[in-house]
Amino acid sequence: IFRKRLKGLGKQVDGYVVEGVGHGWDK
């Protein structure tokens, strides 16, 4: 929701949602 809001404010928001993982998966 925040990503969408920032885009609506004119910010460029790159990145994505990593599928199949939970919080802190990279640790």
mmCIF file of all heavy atoms, coordinates in Angstrom:
data_MODEL
# 
_entry.id   MODEL 
# 
loop_
_atom_site.group_PDB 
_atom_site.id 
_atom_site.type_symbol 
_atom_site.label_atom_id 
_atom_site.label_alt_id 
_atom_site.label_comp_id 
_atom_site.label_asym_id 
_atom_site.label_entity_id 
_atom_site.label_seq_id 
_atom_site.pdbx_PDB_ins_code 
_atom_site.Cartn_x 
_atom_site.Cartn_y 
_atom_site.Cartn_z 
_atom_site.occupancy 
_atom_site.B_iso_or_equiv 
_atom_site.pdbx_formal_charge 
_atom_site.auth_seq_id 
_atom_site.auth_comp_id 
_atom_site.auth_asym_id 
_atom_site.auth_atom_id 
_atom_site.pdbx_PDB_model_num 
ATOM 1   N N   . ILE A 1 1  ? 0.847  -1.200  0.000   1.00 0.00 ? 1  ILE A N   1 
ATOM 2   C CA  . ILE A 1 1  ? 0.000  0.000   0.000   1.00 0.00 ? 1  ILE A CA  1 
ATOM 3   C C   . ILE A 1 1  ? 0.880  1.247   0.000   1.00 0.00 ? 1  ILE A C   1 
ATOM 4   O O   . ILE A 1 1  ? 0.607  2.226   -0.713  1.00 0.00 ? 1  ILE A O   1 
ATOM 5   C CB  . ILE A 1 1  ? -0.941 -0.008  1.223   1.00 0.00 ? 1  ILE A CB  1 
ATOM 6   C CG1 . ILE A 1 1  ? -2.021 -1.086  1.051   1.00 0.00 ? 1  ILE A CG1 1 
ATOM 7   C CG2 . ILE A 1 1  ? -1.576 1.360   1.435   1.00 0.00 ? 1  ILE A CG2 1 
ATOM 8   C CD1 . ILE A 1 1  ? -2.863 -1.311  2.289   1.00 0.00 ? 1  ILE A CD1 1 
ATOM 9   N N   . PHE A 1 2  ? 1.950  1.212   0.778   1.00 0.00 ? 2  PHE A N   1 
ATOM 10  C CA  . PHE A 1 2  ? 2.866  2.350   0.848   1.00 0.00 ? 2  PHE A CA  1 
ATOM 11  C C   . PHE A 1 2  ? 3.587  2.543   -0.481  1.00 0.00 ? 2  PHE A C   1 
ATOM 12  O O   . PHE A 1 2  ? 3.796  3.678   -0.926  1.00 0.00 ? 2  PHE A O   1 
ATOM 13  C CB  . PHE A 1 2  ? 3.864  2.137   1.978   1.00 0.00 ? 2  PHE A CB  1 
ATOM 14  C CG  . PHE A 1 2  ? 4.591  3.382   2.409   1.00 0.00 ? 2  PHE A CG  1 
ATOM 15  C CD1 . PHE A 1 2  ? 3.938  4.600   2.513   1.00 0.00 ? 2  PHE A CD1 1 
ATOM 16  C CD2 . PHE A 1 2  ? 5.938  3.334   2.739   1.00 0.00 ? 2  PHE A CD2 1 
ATOM 17  C CE1 . PHE A 1 2  ? 4.605  5.747   2.929   1.00 0.00 ? 2  PHE A CE1 1 
ATOM 18  C CE2 . PHE A 1 2  ? 6.615  4.470   3.152   1.00 0.00 ? 2  PHE A CE2 1 
ATOM 19  C CZ  . PHE A 1 2  ? 5.952  5.680   3.240   1.00 0.00 ? 2  PHE A CZ  1 
ATOM 20  N N   . ARG A 1 3  ? 3.962  1.441   -1.119  1.00 0.00 ? 3  ARG A N   1 
ATOM 21  C CA  . ARG A 1 3  ? 4.605  1.532   -2.432  1.00 0.00 ? 3  ARG A CA  1 
ATOM 22  C C   . ARG A 1 3  ? 3.687  2.269   -3.419  1.00 0.00 ? 3  ARG A C   1 
ATOM 23  O O   . ARG A 1 3  ? 4.109  3.181   -4.128  1.00 0.00 ? 3  ARG A O   1 
ATOM 24  C CB  . ARG A 1 3  ? 4.915  0.127   -2.979  1.00 0.00 ? 3  ARG A CB  1 
ATOM 25  C CG  . ARG A 1 3  ? 5.670  0.140   -4.322  1.00 0.00 ? 3  ARG A CG  1 
ATOM 26  C CD  . ARG A 1 3  ? 5.556  -1.197  -5.049  1.00 0.00 ? 3  ARG A CD  1 
ATOM 27  N NE  . ARG A 1 3  ? 6.085  -2.313  -4.286  1.00 0.00 ? 3  ARG A NE  1 
ATOM 28  C CZ  . ARG A 1 3  ? 7.360  -2.711  -4.296  1.00 0.00 ? 3  ARG A CZ  1 
ATOM 29  N NH1 . ARG A 1 3  ? 8.228  -2.065  -5.062  1.00 0.00 ? 3  ARG A NH1 1 
ATOM 30  N NH2 . ARG A 1 3  ? 7.742  -3.745  -3.573  1.00 0.00 ? 3  ARG A NH2 1 
ATOM 31  N N   . LYS A 1 4  ? 2.419  1.849   -3.447  1.00 0.00 ? 4  LYS A N   1 
ATOM 32  C CA  . LYS A 1 4  ? 1.445  2.461   -4.351  1.00 0.00 ? 4  LYS A CA  1 
ATOM 33  C C   . LYS A 1 4  ? 1.261  3.941   -4.026  1.00 0.00 ? 4  LYS A C   1 
ATOM 34  O O   . LYS A 1 4  ? 1.173  4.788   -4.935  1.00 0.00 ? 4  LYS A O   1 
ATOM 35  C CB  . LYS A 1 4  ? 0.120  1.724   -4.254  1.00 0.00 ? 4  LYS A CB  1 
ATOM 36  C CG  . LYS A 1 4  ? -0.950 2.237   -5.213  1.00 0.00 ? 4  LYS A CG  1 
ATOM 37  C CD  . LYS A 1 4  ? -2.225 1.409   -5.105  1.00 0.00 ? 4  LYS A CD  1 
ATOM 38  C CE  . LYS A 1 4  ? -3.298 1.926   -6.066  1.00 0.00 ? 4  LYS A CE  1 
ATOM 39  N NZ  . LYS A 1 4  ? -4.542 1.107   -5.972  1.00 0.00 ? 4  LYS A NZ  1 
ATOM 40  N N   . ARG A 1 5  ? 1.219  4.256   -2.736  1.00 0.00 ? 5  ARG A N   1 
ATOM 41  C CA  . ARG A 1 5  ? 1.036  5.649   -2.344  1.00 0.00 ? 5  ARG A CA  1 
ATOM 42  C C   . ARG A 1 5  ? 2.216  6.511   -2.784  1.00 0.00 ? 5  ARG A C   1 
ATOM 43  O O   . ARG A 1 5  ? 2.042  7.622   -3.295  1.00 0.00 ? 5  ARG A O   1 
ATOM 44  C CB  . ARG A 1 5  ? 0.863  5.743   -0.829  1.00 0.00 ? 5  ARG A CB  1 
ATOM 45  C CG  . ARG A 1 5  ? 0.587  7.171   -0.370  1.00 0.00 ? 5  ARG A CG  1 
ATOM 46  C CD  . ARG A 1 5  ? 0.436  7.275   1.128   1.00 0.00 ? 5  ARG A CD  1 
ATOM 47  N NE  . ARG A 1 5  ? 0.356  8.674   1.518   1.00 0.00 ? 5  ARG A NE  1 
ATOM 48  C CZ  . ARG A 1 5  ? 0.612  9.130   2.725   1.00 0.00 ? 5  ARG A CZ  1 
ATOM 49  N NH1 . ARG A 1 5  ? 0.954  8.289   3.686   1.00 0.00 ? 5  ARG A NH1 1 
ATOM 50  N NH2 . ARG A 1 5  ? 0.538  10.417  2.984   1.00 0.00 ? 5  ARG A NH2 1 
ATOM 51  N N   . LEU A 1 6  ? 3.428  6.018   -2.575  1.00 0.00 ? 6  LEU A N   1 
ATOM 52  C CA  . LEU A 1 6  ? 4.615  6.783   -2.963  1.00 0.00 ? 6  LEU A CA  1 
ATOM 53  C C   . LEU A 1 6  ? 4.672  6.996   -4.471  1.00 0.00 ? 6  LEU A C   1 
ATOM 54  O O   . LEU A 1 6  ? 5.057  8.075   -4.941  1.00 0.00 ? 6  LEU A O   1 
ATOM 55  C CB  . LEU A 1 6  ? 5.882  6.067   -2.473  1.00 0.00 ? 6  LEU A CB  1 
ATOM 56  C CG  . LEU A 1 6  ? 6.084  6.049   -0.960  1.00 0.00 ? 6  LEU A CG  1 
ATOM 57  C CD1 . LEU A 1 6  ? 7.283  5.182   -0.592  1.00 0.00 ? 6  LEU A CD1 1 
ATOM 58  C CD2 . LEU A 1 6  ? 6.262  7.461   -0.415  1.00 0.00 ? 6  LEU A CD2 1 
ATOM 59  N N   . LYS A 1 7  ? 4.286  5.991   -5.211  1.00 0.00 ? 7  LYS A N   1 
ATOM 60  C CA  . LYS A 1 7  ? 4.224  6.157   -6.664  1.00 0.00 ? 7  LYS A CA  1 
ATOM 61  C C   . LYS A 1 7  ? 3.217  7.239   -7.028  1.00 0.00 ? 7  LYS A C   1 
ATOM 62  O O   . LYS A 1 7  ? 3.452  8.040   -7.947  1.00 0.00 ? 7  LYS A O   1 
ATOM 63  C CB  . LYS A 1 7  ? 3.854  4.838   -7.336  1.00 0.00 ? 7  LYS A CB  1 
ATOM 64  C CG  . LYS A 1 7  ? 4.979  3.800   -7.347  1.00 0.00 ? 7  LYS A CG  1 
ATOM 65  C CD  . LYS A 1 7  ? 4.554  2.551   -8.111  1.00 0.00 ? 7  LYS A CD  1 
ATOM 66  C CE  . LYS A 1 7  ? 5.696  1.558   -8.235  1.00 0.00 ? 7  LYS A CE  1 
ATOM 67  N NZ  . LYS A 1 7  ? 5.291  0.341   -9.005  1.00 0.00 ? 7  LYS A NZ  1 
ATOM 68  N N   . GLY A 1 8  ? 2.104  7.280   -6.320  1.00 0.00 ? 8  GLY A N   1 
ATOM 69  C CA  . GLY A 1 8  ? 1.097  8.307   -6.564  1.00 0.00 ? 8  GLY A CA  1 
ATOM 70  C C   . GLY A 1 8  ? 1.584  9.705   -6.236  1.00 0.00 ? 8  GLY A C   1 
ATOM 71  O O   . GLY A 1 8  ? 1.079  10.692  -6.777  1.00 0.00 ? 8  GLY A O   1 
ATOM 72  N N   . LEU A 1 9  ? 2.595  9.790   -5.361  1.00 0.00 ? 9  LEU A N   1 
ATOM 73  C CA  . LEU A 1 9  ? 3.201  11.080  -5.018  1.00 0.00 ? 9  LEU A CA  1 
ATOM 74  C C   . LEU A 1 9  ? 4.303  11.471  -5.990  1.00 0.00 ? 9  LEU A C   1 
ATOM 75  O O   . LEU A 1 9  ? 4.953  12.502  -5.817  1.00 0.00 ? 9  LEU A O   1 
ATOM 76  C CB  . LEU A 1 9  ? 3.767  11.028  -3.591  1.00 0.00 ? 9  LEU A CB  1 
ATOM 77  C CG  . LEU A 1 9  ? 2.747  10.877  -2.466  1.00 0.00 ? 9  LEU A CG  1 
ATOM 78  C CD1 . LEU A 1 9  ? 3.444  10.741  -1.124  1.00 0.00 ? 9  LEU A CD1 1 
ATOM 79  C CD2 . LEU A 1 9  ? 1.782  12.054  -2.445  1.00 0.00 ? 9  LEU A CD2 1 
ATOM 80  N N   . GLY A 1 10 ? 4.525  10.620  -7.002  1.00 0.00 ? 10 GLY A N   1 
ATOM 81  C CA  . GLY A 1 10 ? 5.521  10.938  -8.013  1.00 0.00 ? 10 GLY A CA  1 
ATOM 82  C C   . GLY A 1 10 ? 6.881  10.317  -7.789  1.00 0.00 ? 10 GLY A C   1 
ATOM 83  O O   . GLY A 1 10 ? 7.821  10.586  -8.550  1.00 0.00 ? 10 GLY A O   1 
ATOM 84  N N   . LYS A 1 11 ? 7.007  9.485   -6.756  1.00 0.00 ? 11 LYS A N   1 
ATOM 85  C CA  . LYS A 1 11 ? 8.283  8.823   -6.506  1.00 0.00 ? 11 LYS A CA  1 
ATOM 86  C C   . LYS A 1 11 ? 8.436  7.594   -7.413  1.00 0.00 ? 11 LYS A C   1 
ATOM 87  O O   . LYS A 1 11 ? 7.443  6.935   -7.750  1.00 0.00 ? 11 LYS A O   1 
ATOM 88  C CB  . LYS A 1 11 ? 8.382  8.376   -5.041  1.00 0.00 ? 11 LYS A CB  1 
ATOM 89  C CG  . LYS A 1 11 ? 8.189  9.487   -4.022  1.00 0.00 ? 11 LYS A CG  1 
ATOM 90  C CD  . LYS A 1 11 ? 9.281  10.535  -4.082  1.00 0.00 ? 11 LYS A CD  1 
ATOM 91  C CE  . LYS A 1 11 ? 9.116  11.571  -2.981  1.00 0.00 ? 11 LYS A CE  1 
ATOM 92  N NZ  . LYS A 1 11 ? 10.162 12.623  -3.024  1.00 0.00 ? 11 LYS A NZ  1 
ATOM 93  N N   . GLN A 1 12 ? 9.654  7.310   -7.790  1.00 0.00 ? 12 GLN A N   1 
ATOM 94  C CA  . GLN A 1 12 ? 9.946  6.074   -8.527  1.00 0.00 ? 12 GLN A CA  1 
ATOM 95  C C   . GLN A 1 12 ? 10.289 5.005   -7.503  1.00 0.00 ? 12 GLN A C   1 
ATOM 96  O O   . GLN A 1 12 ? 11.269 5.136   -6.770  1.00 0.00 ? 12 GLN A O   1 
ATOM 97  C CB  . GLN A 1 12 ? 11.111 6.264   -9.491  1.00 0.00 ? 12 GLN A CB  1 
ATOM 98  C CG  . GLN A 1 12 ? 11.479 4.988   -10.263 1.00 0.00 ? 12 GLN A CG  1 
ATOM 99  C CD  . GLN A 1 12 ? 12.647 5.181   -11.209 1.00 0.00 ? 12 GLN A CD  1 
ATOM 100 O OE1 . GLN A 1 12 ? 12.928 6.292   -11.648 1.00 0.00 ? 12 GLN A OE1 1 
ATOM 101 N NE2 . GLN A 1 12 ? 13.348 4.100   -11.521 1.00 0.00 ? 12 GLN A NE2 1 
ATOM 102 N N   . VAL A 1 13 ? 9.488  3.958   -7.443  1.00 0.00 ? 13 VAL A N   1 
ATOM 103 C CA  . VAL A 1 13 ? 9.696  2.900   -6.453  1.00 0.00 ? 13 VAL A CA  1 
ATOM 104 C C   . VAL A 1 13 ? 9.971  1.588   -7.187  1.00 0.00 ? 13 VAL A C   1 
ATOM 105 O O   . VAL A 1 13 ? 9.059  0.954   -7.722  1.00 0.00 ? 13 VAL A O   1 
ATOM 106 C CB  . VAL A 1 13 ? 8.475  2.749   -5.525  1.00 0.00 ? 13 VAL A CB  1 
ATOM 107 C CG1 . VAL A 1 13 ? 8.810  1.782   -4.394  1.00 0.00 ? 13 VAL A CG1 1 
ATOM 108 C CG2 . VAL A 1 13 ? 8.061  4.100   -4.951  1.00 0.00 ? 13 VAL A CG2 1 
ATOM 109 N N   . ASP A 1 14 ? 11.228 1.210   -7.227  1.00 0.00 ? 14 ASP A N   1 
ATOM 110 C CA  . ASP A 1 14 ? 11.627 -0.042  -7.863  1.00 0.00 ? 14 ASP A CA  1 
ATOM 111 C C   . ASP A 1 14 ? 11.590 -1.185  -6.844  1.00 0.00 ? 14 ASP A C   1 
ATOM 112 O O   . ASP A 1 14 ? 11.257 -0.985  -5.680  1.00 0.00 ? 14 ASP A O   1 
ATOM 113 C CB  . ASP A 1 14 ? 13.025 0.098   -8.467  1.00 0.00 ? 14 ASP A CB  1 
ATOM 114 C CG  . ASP A 1 14 ? 13.075 1.126   -9.594  1.00 0.00 ? 14 ASP A CG  1 
ATOM 115 O OD1 . ASP A 1 14 ? 12.017 1.377   -10.208 1.00 0.00 ? 14 ASP A OD1 1 
ATOM 116 O OD2 . ASP A 1 14 ? 14.153 1.675   -9.853  1.00 0.00 ? 14 ASP A OD2 1 
ATOM 117 N N   . GLY A 1 15 ? 11.956 -2.377  -7.295  1.00 0.00 ? 15 GLY A N   1 
ATOM 118 C CA  . GLY A 1 15 ? 11.925 -3.535  -6.424  1.00 0.00 ? 15 GLY A CA  1 
ATOM 119 C C   . GLY A 1 15 ? 10.734 -4.419  -6.732  1.00 0.00 ? 15 GLY A C   1 
ATOM 120 O O   . GLY A 1 15 ? 9.983  -4.173  -7.678  1.00 0.00 ? 15 GLY A O   1 
ATOM 121 N N   . TYR A 1 16 ? 10.530 -5.430  -5.904  1.00 0.00 ? 16 TYR A N   1 
ATOM 122 C CA  . TYR A 1 16 ? 9.483  -6.406  -6.182  1.00 0.00 ? 16 TYR A CA  1 
ATOM 123 C C   . TYR A 1 16 ? 9.170  -7.212  -4.925  1.00 0.00 ? 16 TYR A C   1 
ATOM 124 O O   . TYR A 1 16 ? 9.796  -7.019  -3.873  1.00 0.00 ? 16 TYR A O   1 
ATOM 125 C CB  . TYR A 1 16 ? 9.930  -7.346  -7.306  1.00 0.00 ? 16 TYR A CB  1 
ATOM 126 C CG  . TYR A 1 16 ? 11.158 -8.193  -6.968  1.00 0.00 ? 16 TYR A CG  1 
ATOM 127 C CD1 . TYR A 1 16 ? 11.026 -9.556  -6.693  1.00 0.00 ? 16 TYR A CD1 1 
ATOM 128 C CD2 . TYR A 1 16 ? 12.438 -7.642  -6.950  1.00 0.00 ? 16 TYR A CD2 1 
ATOM 129 C CE1 . TYR A 1 16 ? 12.134 -10.340 -6.404  1.00 0.00 ? 16 TYR A CE1 1 
ATOM 130 C CE2 . TYR A 1 16 ? 13.552 -8.416  -6.661  1.00 0.00 ? 16 TYR A CE2 1 
ATOM 131 C CZ  . TYR A 1 16 ? 13.394 -9.758  -6.382  1.00 0.00 ? 16 TYR A CZ  1 
ATOM 132 O OH  . TYR A 1 16 ? 14.506 -10.525 -6.086  1.00 0.00 ? 16 TYR A OH  1 
ATOM 133 N N   . VAL A 1 17 ? 8.208  -8.111  -5.059  1.00 0.00 ? 17 VAL A N   1 
ATOM 134 C CA  . VAL A 1 17 ? 7.825  -9.019  -3.972  1.00 0.00 ? 17 VAL A CA  1 
ATOM 135 C C   . VAL A 1 17 ? 8.471  -10.378 -4.245  1.00 0.00 ? 17 VAL A C   1 
ATOM 136 O O   . VAL A 1 17 ? 8.272  -10.966 -5.311  1.00 0.00 ? 17 VAL A O   1 
ATOM 137 C CB  . VAL A 1 17 ? 6.299  -9.170  -3.878  1.00 0.00 ? 17 VAL A CB  1 
ATOM 138 C CG1 . VAL A 1 17 ? 5.930  -10.201 -2.807  1.00 0.00 ? 17 VAL A CG1 1 
ATOM 139 C CG2 . VAL A 1 17 ? 5.647  -7.826  -3.570  1.00 0.00 ? 17 VAL A CG2 1 
ATOM 140 N N   . VAL A 1 18 ? 9.243  -10.856 -3.286  1.00 0.00 ? 18 VAL A N   1 
ATOM 141 C CA  . VAL A 1 18 ? 9.904  -12.154 -3.418  1.00 0.00 ? 18 VAL A CA  1 
ATOM 142 C C   . VAL A 1 18 ? 8.901  -13.241 -3.074  1.00 0.00 ? 18 VAL A C   1 
ATOM 143 O O   . VAL A 1 18 ? 8.373  -13.289 -1.953  1.00 0.00 ? 18 VAL A O   1 
ATOM 144 C CB  . VAL A 1 18 ? 11.127 -12.251 -2.490  1.00 0.00 ? 18 VAL A CB  1 
ATOM 145 C CG1 . VAL A 1 18 ? 11.859 -13.575 -2.710  1.00 0.00 ? 18 VAL A CG1 1 
ATOM 146 C CG2 . VAL A 1 18 ? 12.075 -11.080 -2.736  1.00 0.00 ? 18 VAL A CG2 1 
ATOM 147 N N   . GLU A 1 19 ? 8.621  -14.110 -4.028  1.00 0.00 ? 19 GLU A N   1 
ATOM 148 C CA  . GLU A 1 19 ? 7.602  -15.137 -3.838  1.00 0.00 ? 19 GLU A CA  1 
ATOM 149 C C   . GLU A 1 19 ? 8.114  -16.296 -2.985  1.00 0.00 ? 19 GLU A C   1 
ATOM 150 O O   . GLU A 1 19 ? 9.284  -16.643 -3.013  1.00 0.00 ? 19 GLU A O   1 
ATOM 151 C CB  . GLU A 1 19 ? 7.145  -15.679 -5.200  1.00 0.00 ? 19 GLU A CB  1 
ATOM 152 C CG  . GLU A 1 19 ? 6.454  -14.646 -6.074  1.00 0.00 ? 19 GLU A CG  1 
ATOM 153 C CD  . GLU A 1 19 ? 5.160  -14.126 -5.477  1.00 0.00 ? 19 GLU A CD  1 
ATOM 154 O OE1 . GLU A 1 19 ? 4.524  -14.881 -4.698  1.00 0.00 ? 19 GLU A OE1 1 
ATOM 155 O OE2 . GLU A 1 19 ? 4.773  -12.970 -5.770  1.00 0.00 ? 19 GLU A OE2 1 
ATOM 156 N N   . GLY A 1 20 ? 7.188  -16.880 -2.203  1.00 0.00 ? 20 GLY A N   1 
ATOM 157 C CA  . GLY A 1 20 ? 7.475  -18.106 -1.478  1.00 0.00 ? 20 GLY A CA  1 
ATOM 158 C C   . GLY A 1 20 ? 8.363  -17.958 -0.262  1.00 0.00 ? 20 GLY A C   1 
ATOM 159 O O   . GLY A 1 20 ? 8.925  -18.958 0.211   1.00 0.00 ? 20 GLY A O   1 
ATOM 160 N N   . VAL A 1 21 ? 8.493  -16.741 0.260   1.00 0.00 ? 21 VAL A N   1 
ATOM 161 C CA  . VAL A 1 21 ? 9.357  -16.544 1.430   1.00 0.00 ? 21 VAL A CA  1 
ATOM 162 C C   . VAL A 1 21 ? 8.636  -15.718 2.488   1.00 0.00 ? 21 VAL A C   1 
ATOM 163 O O   . VAL A 1 21 ? 7.734  -14.938 2.188   1.00 0.00 ? 21 VAL A O   1 
ATOM 164 C CB  . VAL A 1 21 ? 10.683 -15.851 1.044   1.00 0.00 ? 21 VAL A CB  1 
ATOM 165 C CG1 . VAL A 1 21 ? 11.463 -16.695 0.048   1.00 0.00 ? 21 VAL A CG1 1 
ATOM 166 C CG2 . VAL A 1 21 ? 10.431 -14.447 0.480   1.00 0.00 ? 21 VAL A CG2 1 
ATOM 167 N N   . GLY A 1 22 ? 9.055  -15.905 3.736   1.00 0.00 ? 22 GLY A N   1 
ATOM 168 C CA  . GLY A 1 22 ? 8.513  -15.144 4.842   1.00 0.00 ? 22 GLY A CA  1 
ATOM 169 C C   . GLY A 1 22 ? 9.467  -14.054 5.280   1.00 0.00 ? 22 GLY A C   1 
ATOM 170 O O   . GLY A 1 22 ? 10.531 -13.843 4.676   1.00 0.00 ? 22 GLY A O   1 
ATOM 171 N N   . HIS A 1 23 ? 9.095  -13.389 6.342   1.00 0.00 ? 23 HIS A N   1 
ATOM 172 C CA  . HIS A 1 23 ? 9.865  -12.276 6.878   1.00 0.00 ? 23 HIS A CA  1 
ATOM 173 C C   . HIS A 1 23 ? 11.303 -12.703 7.191   1.00 0.00 ? 23 HIS A C   1 
ATOM 174 O O   . HIS A 1 23 ? 11.537 -13.738 7.785   1.00 0.00 ? 23 HIS A O   1 
ATOM 175 C CB  . HIS A 1 23 ? 9.190  -11.772 8.152   1.00 0.00 ? 23 HIS A CB  1 
ATOM 176 C CG  . HIS A 1 23 ? 9.724  -10.474 8.653   1.00 0.00 ? 23 HIS A CG  1 
ATOM 177 N ND1 . HIS A 1 23 ? 9.312  -9.261  8.153   1.00 0.00 ? 23 HIS A ND1 1 
ATOM 178 C CD2 . HIS A 1 23 ? 10.634 -10.195 9.617   1.00 0.00 ? 23 HIS A CD2 1 
ATOM 179 C CE1 . HIS A 1 23 ? 9.934  -8.286  8.792   1.00 0.00 ? 23 HIS A CE1 1 
ATOM 180 N NE2 . HIS A 1 23 ? 10.745 -8.824  9.683   1.00 0.00 ? 23 HIS A NE2 1 
ATOM 181 N N   . GLY A 1 24 ? 12.254 -11.889 6.759   1.00 0.00 ? 24 GLY A N   1 
ATOM 182 C CA  . GLY A 1 24 ? 13.661 -12.138 7.075   1.00 0.00 ? 24 GLY A CA  1 
ATOM 183 C C   . GLY A 1 24 ? 14.256 -13.345 6.372   1.00 0.00 ? 24 GLY A C   1 
ATOM 184 O O   . GLY A 1 24 ? 15.246 -13.907 6.840   1.00 0.00 ? 24 GLY A O   1 
ATOM 185 N N   . TRP A 1 25 ? 13.676 -13.725 5.238   1.00 0.00 ? 25 TRP A N   1 
ATOM 186 C CA  . TRP A 1 25 ? 14.124 -14.938 4.553   1.00 0.00 ? 25 TRP A CA  1 
ATOM 187 C C   . TRP A 1 25 ? 15.610 -14.905 4.185   1.00 0.00 ? 25 TRP A C   1 
ATOM 188 O O   . TRP A 1 25 ? 16.278 -15.934 4.116   1.00 0.00 ? 25 TRP A O   1 
ATOM 189 C CB  . TRP A 1 25 ? 13.296 -15.131 3.272   1.00 0.00 ? 25 TRP A CB  1 
ATOM 190 C CG  . TRP A 1 25 ? 13.958 -14.641 2.025   1.00 0.00 ? 25 TRP A CG  1 
ATOM 191 C CD1 . TRP A 1 25 ? 14.649 -15.408 1.116   1.00 0.00 ? 25 TRP A CD1 1 
ATOM 192 C CD2 . TRP A 1 25 ? 14.057 -13.287 1.551   1.00 0.00 ? 25 TRP A CD2 1 
ATOM 193 N NE1 . TRP A 1 25 ? 15.132 -14.612 0.108   1.00 0.00 ? 25 TRP A NE1 1 
ATOM 194 C CE2 . TRP A 1 25 ? 14.794 -13.309 0.363   1.00 0.00 ? 25 TRP A CE2 1 
ATOM 195 C CE3 . TRP A 1 25 ? 13.585 -12.059 2.028   1.00 0.00 ? 25 TRP A CE3 1 
ATOM 196 C CZ2 . TRP A 1 25 ? 15.068 -12.151 -0.359  1.00 0.00 ? 25 TRP A CZ2 1 
ATOM 197 C CZ3 . TRP A 1 25 ? 13.851 -10.912 1.325   1.00 0.00 ? 25 TRP A CZ3 1 
ATOM 198 C CH2 . TRP A 1 25 ? 14.587 -10.962 0.140   1.00 0.00 ? 25 TRP A CH2 1 
ATOM 199 N N   . ASP A 1 26 ? 16.152 -13.734 3.961   1.00 0.00 ? 26 ASP A N   1 
ATOM 200 C CA  . ASP A 1 26 ? 17.537 -13.624 3.499   1.00 0.00 ? 26 ASP A CA  1 
ATOM 201 C C   . ASP A 1 26 ? 18.551 -13.786 4.619   1.00 0.00 ? 26 ASP A C   1 
ATOM 202 O O   . ASP A 1 26 ? 19.753 -13.856 4.358   1.00 0.00 ? 26 ASP A O   1 
ATOM 203 C CB  . ASP A 1 26 ? 17.757 -12.266 2.831   1.00 0.00 ? 26 ASP A CB  1 
ATOM 204 C CG  . ASP A 1 26 ? 17.460 -11.107 3.750   1.00 0.00 ? 26 ASP A CG  1 
ATOM 205 O OD1 . ASP A 1 26 ? 16.410 -11.125 4.404   1.00 0.00 ? 26 ASP A OD1 1 
ATOM 206 O OD2 . ASP A 1 26 ? 18.272 -10.174 3.823   1.00 0.00 ? 26 ASP A OD2 1 
ATOM 207 N N   . LYS A 1 27 ? 18.092 -13.872 5.870   1.00 0.00 ? 27 LYS A N   1 
ATOM 208 C CA  . LYS A 1 27 ? 19.011 -13.964 7.003   1.00 0.00 ? 27 LYS A CA  1 
ATOM 209 C C   . LYS A 1 27 ? 19.291 -15.399 7.431   1.00 0.00 ? 27 LYS A C   1 
ATOM 210 O O   . LYS A 1 27 ? 20.148 -15.640 8.288   1.00 0.00 ? 27 LYS A O   1 
ATOM 211 C CB  . LYS A 1 27 ? 18.450 -13.178 8.195   1.00 0.00 ? 27 LYS A CB  1 
ATOM 212 C CG  . LYS A 1 27 ? 18.294 -11.688 7.916   1.00 0.00 ? 27 LYS A CG  1 
ATOM 213 C CD  . LYS A 1 27 ? 19.653 -11.053 7.632   1.00 0.00 ? 27 LYS A CD  1 
ATOM 214 C CE  . LYS A 1 27 ? 19.555 -9.560  7.430   1.00 0.00 ? 27 LYS A CE  1 
ATOM 215 N NZ  . LYS A 1 27 ? 18.902 -9.192  6.157   1.00 0.00 ? 27 LYS A NZ  1 
# 
